[in-house]
């Protein structure tokens, strides 16, 4: 599957994500250790998807949750940490 069709754990298409576009994000699985190292926490979308054993939010049976309600570029740890440089401190 090409990068244009890759879907992140949050359910967003990776090709529209600025952290992916900038090259800072190498995808959810590969970027998780970098986020933990730089920000001190991992992506809550990735952790939730792994915990529920789904590929991403789109595959989740829950129709609504706090993570989905908070989804925005500014909320995404990969975006804020890897692109903007905010470590949450």
PDB file of N, CA and C in Angstrom:
ATOM      1  N   UNK A   1       0.846  -1.181   0.000  1.00  0.00           N
ATOM      2  CA  UNK A   1       0.000   0.000   0.000  1.00  0.00           C
ATOM      3  C   UNK A   1       0.888   1.239   0.000  1.00  0.00           C
ATOM      4  N   UNK A   2       0.560   2.195  -0.802  1.00  0.00           N
ATOM      5  CA  UNK A   2       1.378   3.405  -0.885  1.00  0.00           C
ATOM      6  C   UNK A   2       1.112   4.316   0.301  1.00  0.00           C
ATOM      7  N   UNK A   3       2.047   5.261   0.542  1.00  0.00           N
ATOM      8  CA  UNK A   3       1.901   6.205   1.639  1.00  0.00           C
ATOM      9  C   UNK A   3       0.635   7.042   1.497  1.00  0.00           C
ATOM     10  N   UNK A   4       0.152   7.256   0.269  1.00  0.00           N
ATOM     11  CA  UNK A   4      -1.055   8.048   0.061  1.00  0.00           C
ATOM     12  C   UNK A   4      -2.302   7.376   0.618  1.00  0.00           C
ATOM     13  N   UNK A   5      -2.209   6.091   0.935  1.00  0.00           N
ATOM     14  CA  UNK A   5      -3.355   5.369   1.454  1.00  0.00           C
ATOM     15  C   UNK A   5      -3.150   4.927   2.896  1.00  0.00           C
ATOM     16  N   UNK A   6      -2.063   5.308   3.503  1.00  0.00           N
ATOM     17  CA  UNK A   6      -1.780   4.927   4.876  1.00  0.00           C
ATOM     18  C   UNK A   6      -2.704   5.691   5.833  1.00  0.00           C
ATOM     19  N   UNK A   7      -3.256   4.964   6.803  1.00  0.00           N
ATOM     20  CA  UNK A   7      -4.143   5.555   7.804  1.00  0.00           C
ATOM     21  C   UNK A   7      -3.459   5.407   9.163  1.00  0.00           C
ATOM     22  N   UNK A   8      -3.354   6.509   9.882  1.00  0.00           N
ATOM     23  CA  UNK A   8      -2.748   6.487  11.212  1.00  0.00           C
ATOM     24  C   UNK A   8      -3.675   5.859  12.228  1.00  0.00           C
ATOM     25  N   UNK A   9      -3.156   5.572  13.407  1.00  0.00           N
ATOM     26  CA  UNK A   9      -3.958   4.990  14.485  1.00  0.00           C
ATOM     27  C   UNK A   9      -5.143   5.879  14.843  1.00  0.00           C
ATOM     28  N   UNK A  10      -5.007   7.179  14.611  1.00  0.00           N
ATOM     29  CA  UNK A  10      -6.078   8.129  14.919  1.00  0.00           C
ATOM     30  C   UNK A  10      -7.189   8.090  13.876  1.00  0.00           C
ATOM     31  N   UNK A  11      -6.964   7.415  12.774  1.00  0.00           N
ATOM     32  CA  UNK A  11      -7.968   7.330  11.715  1.00  0.00           C
ATOM     33  C   UNK A  11      -7.792   8.371  10.633  1.00  0.00           C
ATOM     34  N   UNK A  12      -6.798   9.248  10.778  1.00  0.00           N
ATOM     35  CA  UNK A  12      -6.535  10.270   9.764  1.00  0.00           C
ATOM     36  C   UNK A  12      -5.617   9.715   8.678  1.00  0.00           C
ATOM     37  N   UNK A  13      -5.811  10.197   7.460  1.00  0.00           N
ATOM     38  CA  UNK A  13      -4.932   9.813   6.357  1.00  0.00           C
ATOM     39  C   UNK A  13      -3.566  10.445   6.579  1.00  0.00           C
ATOM     40  N   UNK A  14      -2.533   9.653   6.570  1.00  0.00           N
ATOM     41  CA  UNK A  14      -1.190  10.150   6.860  1.00  0.00           C
ATOM     42  C   UNK A  14      -0.720  11.228   5.885  1.00  0.00           C
ATOM     43  N   UNK A  15      -1.185  11.176   4.654  1.00  0.00           N
ATOM     44  CA  UNK A  15      -0.683  12.148   3.671  1.00  0.00           C
ATOM     45  C   UNK A  15      -1.148  13.579   3.959  1.00  0.00           C
ATOM     46  N   UNK A  16      -2.159  13.772   4.823  1.00  0.00           N
ATOM     47  CA  UNK A  16      -2.577  15.132   5.169  1.00  0.00           C
ATOM     48  C   UNK A  16      -1.923  15.632   6.453  1.00  0.00           C
ATOM     49  N   UNK A  17      -1.152  14.784   7.120  1.00  0.00           N
ATOM     50  CA  UNK A  17      -0.541  15.131   8.402  1.00  0.00           C
ATOM     51  C   UNK A  17       0.779  15.872   8.175  1.00  0.00           C
ATOM     52  N   UNK A  18       0.923  17.017   8.821  1.00  0.00           N
ATOM     53  CA  UNK A  18       2.137  17.803   8.642  1.00  0.00           C
ATOM     54  C   UNK A  18       3.381  17.117   9.191  1.00  0.00           C
ATOM     55  N   UNK A  19       3.253  16.324  10.245  1.00  0.00           N
ATOM     56  CA  UNK A  19       4.428  15.638  10.769  1.00  0.00           C
ATOM     57  C   UNK A  19       4.904  14.556   9.807  1.00  0.00           C
ATOM     58  N   UNK A  20       3.988  13.896   9.129  1.00  0.00           N
ATOM     59  CA  UNK A  20       4.350  12.892   8.124  1.00  0.00           C
ATOM     60  C   UNK A  20       4.942  13.588   6.895  1.00  0.00           C
ATOM     61  N   UNK A  21       4.303  14.679   6.484  1.00  0.00           N
ATOM     62  CA  UNK A  21       4.758  15.437   5.314  1.00  0.00           C
ATOM     63  C   UNK A  21       6.171  15.994   5.518  1.00  0.00           C
ATOM     64  N   UNK A  22       6.465  16.439   6.731  1.00  0.00           N
ATOM     65  CA  UNK A  22       7.775  17.030   7.022  1.00  0.00           C
ATOM     66  C   UNK A  22       8.877  15.975   7.146  1.00  0.00           C
ATOM     67  N   UNK A  23       8.473  14.705   7.256  1.00  0.00           N
ATOM     68  CA  UNK A  23       9.445  13.634   7.426  1.00  0.00           C
ATOM     69  C   UNK A  23       9.750  13.353   8.886  1.00  0.00           C
ATOM     70  N   UNK A  24       9.140  14.110   9.801  1.00  0.00           N
ATOM     71  CA  UNK A  24       9.379  13.906  11.230  1.00  0.00           C
ATOM     72  C   UNK A  24       8.723  12.629  11.727  1.00  0.00           C
ATOM     73  N   UNK A  25       7.608  12.257  11.133  1.00  0.00           N
ATOM     74  CA  UNK A  25       6.886  11.053  11.540  1.00  0.00           C
ATOM     75  C   UNK A  25       7.135   9.957  10.514  1.00  0.00           C
ATOM     76  N   UNK A  26       7.510   8.801  11.002  1.00  0.00           N
ATOM     77  CA  UNK A  26       7.757   7.652  10.132  1.00  0.00           C
ATOM     78  C   UNK A  26       6.619   6.640  10.218  1.00  0.00           C
ATOM     79  N   UNK A  27       5.476   7.087  10.708  1.00  0.00           N
ATOM     80  CA  UNK A  27       4.345   6.184  10.909  1.00  0.00           C
ATOM     81  C   UNK A  27       4.180   5.898  12.389  1.00  0.00           C
ATOM     82  N   UNK A  28       3.007   5.459  12.754  1.00  0.00           N
ATOM     83  CA  UNK A  28       2.669   5.291  14.170  1.00  0.00           C
ATOM     84  C   UNK A  28       3.627   4.365  14.919  1.00  0.00           C
ATOM     85  N   UNK A  29       3.829   3.186  14.402  1.00  0.00           N
ATOM     86  CA  UNK A  29       4.651   2.203  15.115  1.00  0.00           C
ATOM     87  C   UNK A  29       6.102   2.660  15.245  1.00  0.00           C
ATOM     88  N   UNK A  30       6.662   3.183  14.173  1.00  0.00           N
ATOM     89  CA  UNK A  30       8.067   3.615  14.205  1.00  0.00           C
ATOM     90  C   UNK A  30       8.266   4.899  15.011  1.00  0.00           C
ATOM     91  N   UNK A  31       7.267   5.767  15.055  1.00  0.00           N
ATOM     92  CA  UNK A  31       7.402   7.043  15.755  1.00  0.00           C
ATOM     93  C   UNK A  31       7.109   6.950  17.247  1.00  0.00           C
ATOM     94  N   UNK A  32       6.438   5.889  17.671  1.00  0.00           N
ATOM     95  CA  UNK A  32       6.071   5.757  19.085  1.00  0.00           C
ATOM     96  C   UNK A  32       7.295   5.841  20.018  1.00  0.00           C
ATOM     97  N   UNK A  33       8.384   5.102  19.780  1.00  0.00           N
ATOM     98  CA  UNK A  33       9.547   5.221  20.663  1.00  0.00           C
ATOM     99  C   UNK A  33      10.154   6.630  20.666  1.00  0.00           C
ATOM    100  N   UNK A  34      10.141   7.295  19.518  1.00  0.00           N
ATOM    101  CA  UNK A  34      10.670   8.656  19.432  1.00  0.00           C
ATOM    102  C   UNK A  34       9.813   9.623  20.252  1.00  0.00           C
ATOM    103  N   UNK A  35       8.505   9.456  20.194  1.00  0.00           N
ATOM    104  CA  UNK A  35       7.619  10.297  20.993  1.00  0.00           C
ATOM    105  C   UNK A  35       7.862  10.092  22.481  1.00  0.00           C
ATOM    106  N   UNK A  36       8.012   8.851  22.882  1.00  0.00           N
ATOM    107  CA  UNK A  36       8.255   8.550  24.293  1.00  0.00           C
ATOM    108  C   UNK A  36       9.579   9.164  24.734  1.00  0.00           C
ATOM    109  N   UNK A  37      10.592   9.075  23.879  1.00  0.00           N
ATOM    110  CA  UNK A  37      11.904   9.654  24.198  1.00  0.00           C
ATOM    111  C   UNK A  37      11.845  11.177  24.288  1.00  0.00           C
ATOM    112  N   UNK A  38      11.227  11.812  23.306  1.00  0.00           N
ATOM    113  CA  UNK A  38      11.221  13.276  23.242  1.00  0.00           C
ATOM    114  C   UNK A  38      10.173  13.932  24.134  1.00  0.00           C
ATOM    115  N   UNK A  39       8.990  13.335  24.227  1.00  0.00           N
ATOM    116  CA  UNK A  39       7.892  13.973  24.958  1.00  0.00           C
ATOM    117  C   UNK A  39       7.635  13.344  26.322  1.00  0.00           C
ATOM    118  N   UNK A  40       8.120  12.125  26.508  1.00  0.00           N
ATOM    119  CA  UNK A  40       7.871  11.448  27.775  1.00  0.00           C
ATOM    120  C   UNK A  40       6.568  10.674  27.812  1.00  0.00           C
ATOM    121  N   UNK A  41       5.876  10.605  26.684  1.00  0.00           N
ATOM    122  CA  UNK A  41       4.632   9.848  26.592  1.00  0.00           C
ATOM    123  C   UNK A  41       4.438   9.421  25.143  1.00  0.00           C
ATOM    124  N   UNK A  42       3.659   8.379  24.955  1.00  0.00           N
ATOM    125  CA  UNK A  42       3.375   7.911  23.614  1.00  0.00           C
ATOM    126  C   UNK A  42       2.061   8.448  23.100  1.00  0.00           C
ATOM    127  N   UNK A  43       1.757   8.155  21.869  1.00  0.00           N
ATOM    128  CA  UNK A  43       0.509   8.593  21.246  1.00  0.00           C
ATOM    129  C   UNK A  43      -0.660   7.829  21.856  1.00  0.00           C
ATOM    130  N   UNK A  44      -1.632   8.539  22.424  1.00  0.00           N
ATOM    131  CA  UNK A  44      -2.774   7.844  23.030  1.00  0.00           C
ATOM    132  C   UNK A  44      -3.622   7.094  22.004  1.00  0.00           C
ATOM    133  N   UNK A  45      -3.670   7.563  20.771  1.00  0.00           N
ATOM    134  CA  UNK A  45      -4.419   6.864  19.724  1.00  0.00           C
ATOM    135  C   UNK A  45      -3.765   5.524  19.401  1.00  0.00           C
ATOM    136  N   UNK A  46      -2.443   5.541  19.268  1.00  0.00           N
ATOM    137  CA  UNK A  46      -1.707   4.312  18.980  1.00  0.00           C
ATOM    138  C   UNK A  46      -1.858   3.320  20.131  1.00  0.00           C
ATOM    139  N   UNK A  47      -1.703   3.802  21.355  1.00  0.00           N
ATOM    140  CA  UNK A  47      -1.813   2.929  22.521  1.00  0.00           C
ATOM    141  C   UNK A  47      -3.213   2.331  22.641  1.00  0.00           C
ATOM    142  N   UNK A  48      -4.237   3.133  22.392  1.00  0.00           N
ATOM    143  CA  UNK A  48      -5.615   2.652  22.461  1.00  0.00           C
ATOM    144  C   UNK A  48      -5.879   1.612  21.366  1.00  0.00           C
ATOM    145  N   UNK A  49      -5.452   1.895  20.154  1.00  0.00           N
ATOM    146  CA  UNK A  49      -5.659   0.953  19.049  1.00  0.00           C
ATOM    147  C   UNK A  49      -4.976  -0.385  19.333  1.00  0.00           C
ATOM    148  N   UNK A  50      -3.778  -0.336  19.880  1.00  0.00           N
ATOM    149  CA  UNK A  50      -3.082  -1.590  20.228  1.00  0.00           C
ATOM    150  C   UNK A  50      -3.818  -2.327  21.339  1.00  0.00           C
ATOM    151  N   UNK A  51      -4.252  -1.575  22.361  1.00  0.00           N
ATOM    152  CA  UNK A  51      -4.955  -2.181  23.494  1.00  0.00           C
ATOM    153  C   UNK A  51      -6.246  -2.861  23.036  1.00  0.00           C
ATOM    154  N   UNK A  52      -6.974  -2.223  22.106  1.00  0.00           N
ATOM    155  CA  UNK A  52      -8.237  -2.772  21.611  1.00  0.00           C
ATOM    156  C   UNK A  52      -8.053  -3.707  20.416  1.00  0.00           C
ATOM    157  N   UNK A  53      -6.802  -3.859  19.966  1.00  0.00           N
ATOM    158  CA  UNK A  53      -6.464  -4.744  18.846  1.00  0.00           C
ATOM    159  C   UNK A  53      -7.210  -4.364  17.566  1.00  0.00           C
ATOM    160  N   UNK A  54      -7.179  -3.059  17.258  1.00  0.00           N
ATOM    161  CA  UNK A  54      -7.739  -2.560  16.003  1.00  0.00           C
ATOM    162  C   UNK A  54      -6.649  -1.784  15.266  1.00  0.00           C
ATOM    163  N   UNK A  55      -6.776  -1.676  13.967  1.00  0.00           N
ATOM    164  CA  UNK A  55      -5.771  -0.976  13.171  1.00  0.00           C
ATOM    165  C   UNK A  55      -5.771   0.520  13.442  1.00  0.00           C
ATOM    166  N   UNK A  56      -6.950   1.091  13.665  1.00  0.00           N
ATOM    167  CA  UNK A  56      -7.080   2.536  13.889  1.00  0.00           C
ATOM    168  C   UNK A  56      -8.477   2.841  14.423  1.00  0.00           C
ATOM    169  N   UNK A  57      -8.707   4.117  14.736  1.00  0.00           N
ATOM    170  CA  UNK A  57     -10.003   4.539  15.287  1.00  0.00           C
ATOM    171  C   UNK A  57     -11.172   4.183  14.384  1.00  0.00           C
ATOM    172  N   UNK A  58     -10.953   4.174  13.083  1.00  0.00           N
ATOM    173  CA  UNK A  58     -12.032   3.861  12.150  1.00  0.00           C
ATOM    174  C   UNK A  58     -12.521   2.428  12.302  1.00  0.00           C
ATOM    175  N   UNK A  59     -11.655   1.562  12.798  1.00  0.00           N
ATOM    176  CA  UNK A  59     -12.001   0.147  12.970  1.00  0.00           C
ATOM    177  C   UNK A  59     -12.562  -0.165  14.358  1.00  0.00           C
ATOM    178  N   UNK A  60     -12.615   0.832  15.211  1.00  0.00           N
ATOM    179  CA  UNK A  60     -13.085   0.656  16.583  1.00  0.00           C
ATOM    180  C   UNK A  60     -14.609   0.611  16.617  1.00  0.00           C
ATOM    181  N   UNK A  61     -15.168  -0.251  17.463  1.00  0.00           N
ATOM    182  CA  UNK A  61     -16.615  -0.365  17.577  1.00  0.00           C
ATOM    183  C   UNK A  61     -17.230   0.782  18.368  1.00  0.00           C
ATOM    184  N   UNK A  62     -16.425   1.462  19.185  1.00  0.00           N
ATOM    185  CA  UNK A  62     -16.950   2.608  19.933  1.00  0.00           C
ATOM    186  C   UNK A  62     -17.243   3.732  18.952  1.00  0.00           C
ATOM    187  N   UNK A  63     -18.410   4.292  19.025  1.00  0.00           N
ATOM    188  CA  UNK A  63     -18.784   5.366  18.107  1.00  0.00           C
ATOM    189  C   UNK A  63     -18.269   6.719  18.603  1.00  0.00           C
ATOM    190  N   UNK A  64     -18.047   6.828  19.895  1.00  0.00           N
ATOM    191  CA  UNK A  64     -17.588   8.091  20.453  1.00  0.00           C
ATOM    192  C   UNK A  64     -16.697   7.806  21.654  1.00  0.00           C
ATOM    193  N   UNK A  65     -15.654   8.572  21.788  1.00  0.00           N
ATOM    194  CA  UNK A  65     -14.780   8.451  22.946  1.00  0.00           C
ATOM    195  C   UNK A  65     -14.029   9.763  23.138  1.00  0.00           C
ATOM    196  N   UNK A  66     -13.400   9.925  24.274  1.00  0.00           N
ATOM    197  CA  UNK A  66     -12.684  11.167  24.562  1.00  0.00           C
ATOM    198  C   UNK A  66     -11.555  11.422  23.568  1.00  0.00           C
ATOM    199  N   UNK A  67     -10.884  10.375  23.109  1.00  0.00           N
ATOM    200  CA  UNK A  67      -9.798  10.564  22.146  1.00  0.00           C
ATOM    201  C   UNK A  67     -10.324  11.128  20.837  1.00  0.00           C
ATOM    202  N   UNK A  68     -11.394  10.562  20.324  1.00  0.00           N
ATOM    203  CA  UNK A  68     -11.955  11.037  19.057  1.00  0.00           C
ATOM    204  C   UNK A  68     -12.471  12.464  19.173  1.00  0.00           C
ATOM    205  N   UNK A  69     -13.063  12.795  20.314  1.00  0.00           N
ATOM    206  CA  UNK A  69     -13.571  14.152  20.506  1.00  0.00           C
ATOM    207  C   UNK A  69     -12.439  15.169  20.544  1.00  0.00           C
ATOM    208  N   UNK A  70     -11.248  14.768  20.997  1.00  0.00           N
ATOM    209  CA  UNK A  70     -10.124  15.685  21.104  1.00  0.00           C
ATOM    210  C   UNK A  70      -9.230  15.715  19.883  1.00  0.00           C
ATOM    211  N   UNK A  71      -9.590  14.962  18.839  1.00  0.00           N
ATOM    212  CA  UNK A  71      -8.728  14.849  17.669  1.00  0.00           C
ATOM    213  C   UNK A  71      -8.610  16.156  16.893  1.00  0.00           C
ATOM    214  N   UNK A  72      -7.401  16.619  16.766  1.00  0.00           N
ATOM    215  CA  UNK A  72      -7.078  17.782  15.943  1.00  0.00           C
ATOM    216  C   UNK A  72      -5.579  17.770  15.741  1.00  0.00           C
ATOM    217  N   UNK A  73      -5.072  18.532  14.803  1.00  0.00           N
ATOM    218  CA  UNK A  73      -3.628  18.570  14.577  1.00  0.00           C
ATOM    219  C   UNK A  73      -2.890  19.003  15.840  1.00  0.00           C
ATOM    220  N   UNK A  74      -3.463  19.932  16.590  1.00  0.00           N
ATOM    221  CA  UNK A  74      -2.820  20.416  17.797  1.00  0.00           C
ATOM    222  C   UNK A  74      -2.824  19.406  18.928  1.00  0.00           C
ATOM    223  N   UNK A  75      -3.726  18.430  18.858  1.00  0.00           N
ATOM    224  CA  UNK A  75      -3.838  17.420  19.904  1.00  0.00           C
ATOM    225  C   UNK A  75      -2.888  16.257  19.653  1.00  0.00           C
ATOM    226  N   UNK A  76      -2.564  16.003  18.424  1.00  0.00           N
ATOM    227  CA  UNK A  76      -1.748  14.842  18.046  1.00  0.00           C
ATOM    228  C   UNK A  76      -0.330  14.969  18.588  1.00  0.00           C
ATOM    229  N   UNK A  77       0.128  14.033  19.397  1.00  0.00           N
ATOM    230  CA  UNK A  77       1.484  14.113  19.947  1.00  0.00           C
ATOM    231  C   UNK A  77       2.569  14.174  18.882  1.00  0.00           C
ATOM    232  N   UNK A  78       2.400  13.435  17.779  1.00  0.00           N
ATOM    233  CA  UNK A  78       3.416  13.477  16.728  1.00  0.00           C
ATOM    234  C   UNK A  78       3.498  14.864  16.132  1.00  0.00           C
ATOM    235  N   UNK A  79       2.360  15.502  15.964  1.00  0.00           N
ATOM    236  CA  UNK A  79       2.355  16.851  15.398  1.00  0.00           C
ATOM    237  C   UNK A  79       2.983  17.847  16.370  1.00  0.00           C
ATOM    238  N   UNK A  80       2.524  17.865  17.604  1.00  0.00           N
ATOM    239  CA  UNK A  80       3.016  18.867  18.550  1.00  0.00           C
ATOM    240  C   UNK A  80       4.467  18.635  18.943  1.00  0.00           C
ATOM    241  N   UNK A  81       4.872  17.399  19.098  1.00  0.00           N
ATOM    242  CA  UNK A  81       6.236  17.111  19.541  1.00  0.00           C
ATOM    243  C   UNK A  81       7.237  17.135  18.399  1.00  0.00           C
ATOM    244  N   UNK A  82       6.925  16.471  17.305  1.00  0.00           N
ATOM    245  CA  UNK A  82       7.901  16.307  16.228  1.00  0.00           C
ATOM    246  C   UNK A  82       7.942  17.487  15.265  1.00  0.00           C
ATOM    247  N   UNK A  83       6.818  18.175  15.069  1.00  0.00           N
ATOM    248  CA  UNK A  83       6.782  19.284  14.125  1.00  0.00           C
ATOM    249  C   UNK A  83       6.889  20.617  14.835  1.00  0.00           C
ATOM    250  N   UNK A  84       6.045  20.825  15.826  1.00  0.00           N
ATOM    251  CA  UNK A  84       6.011  22.108  16.531  1.00  0.00           C
ATOM    252  C   UNK A  84       7.129  22.197  17.550  1.00  0.00           C
ATOM    253  N   UNK A  85       7.533  21.066  18.129  1.00  0.00           N
ATOM    254  CA  UNK A  85       8.609  21.055  19.098  1.00  0.00           C
ATOM    255  C   UNK A  85       8.150  21.160  20.534  1.00  0.00           C
ATOM    256  N   UNK A  86       6.855  21.048  20.762  1.00  0.00           N
ATOM    257  CA  UNK A  86       6.303  21.079  22.113  1.00  0.00           C
ATOM    258  C   UNK A  86       6.452  19.716  22.748  1.00  0.00           C
ATOM    259  N   UNK A  87       7.057  19.651  23.919  1.00  0.00           N
ATOM    260  CA  UNK A  87       7.229  18.373  24.604  1.00  0.00           C
ATOM    261  C   UNK A  87       6.200  18.172  25.695  1.00  0.00           C
ATOM    262  N   UNK A  88       5.251  19.068  25.792  1.00  0.00           N
ATOM    263  CA  UNK A  88       4.207  18.901  26.788  1.00  0.00           C
ATOM    264  C   UNK A  88       4.643  19.358  28.164  1.00  0.00           C
ATOM    265  N   UNK A  89       5.831  19.891  28.290  1.00  0.00           N
ATOM    266  CA  UNK A  89       6.333  20.309  29.599  1.00  0.00           C
ATOM    267  C   UNK A  89       5.820  21.678  29.963  1.00  0.00           C
TER     268      UNK A  89
END
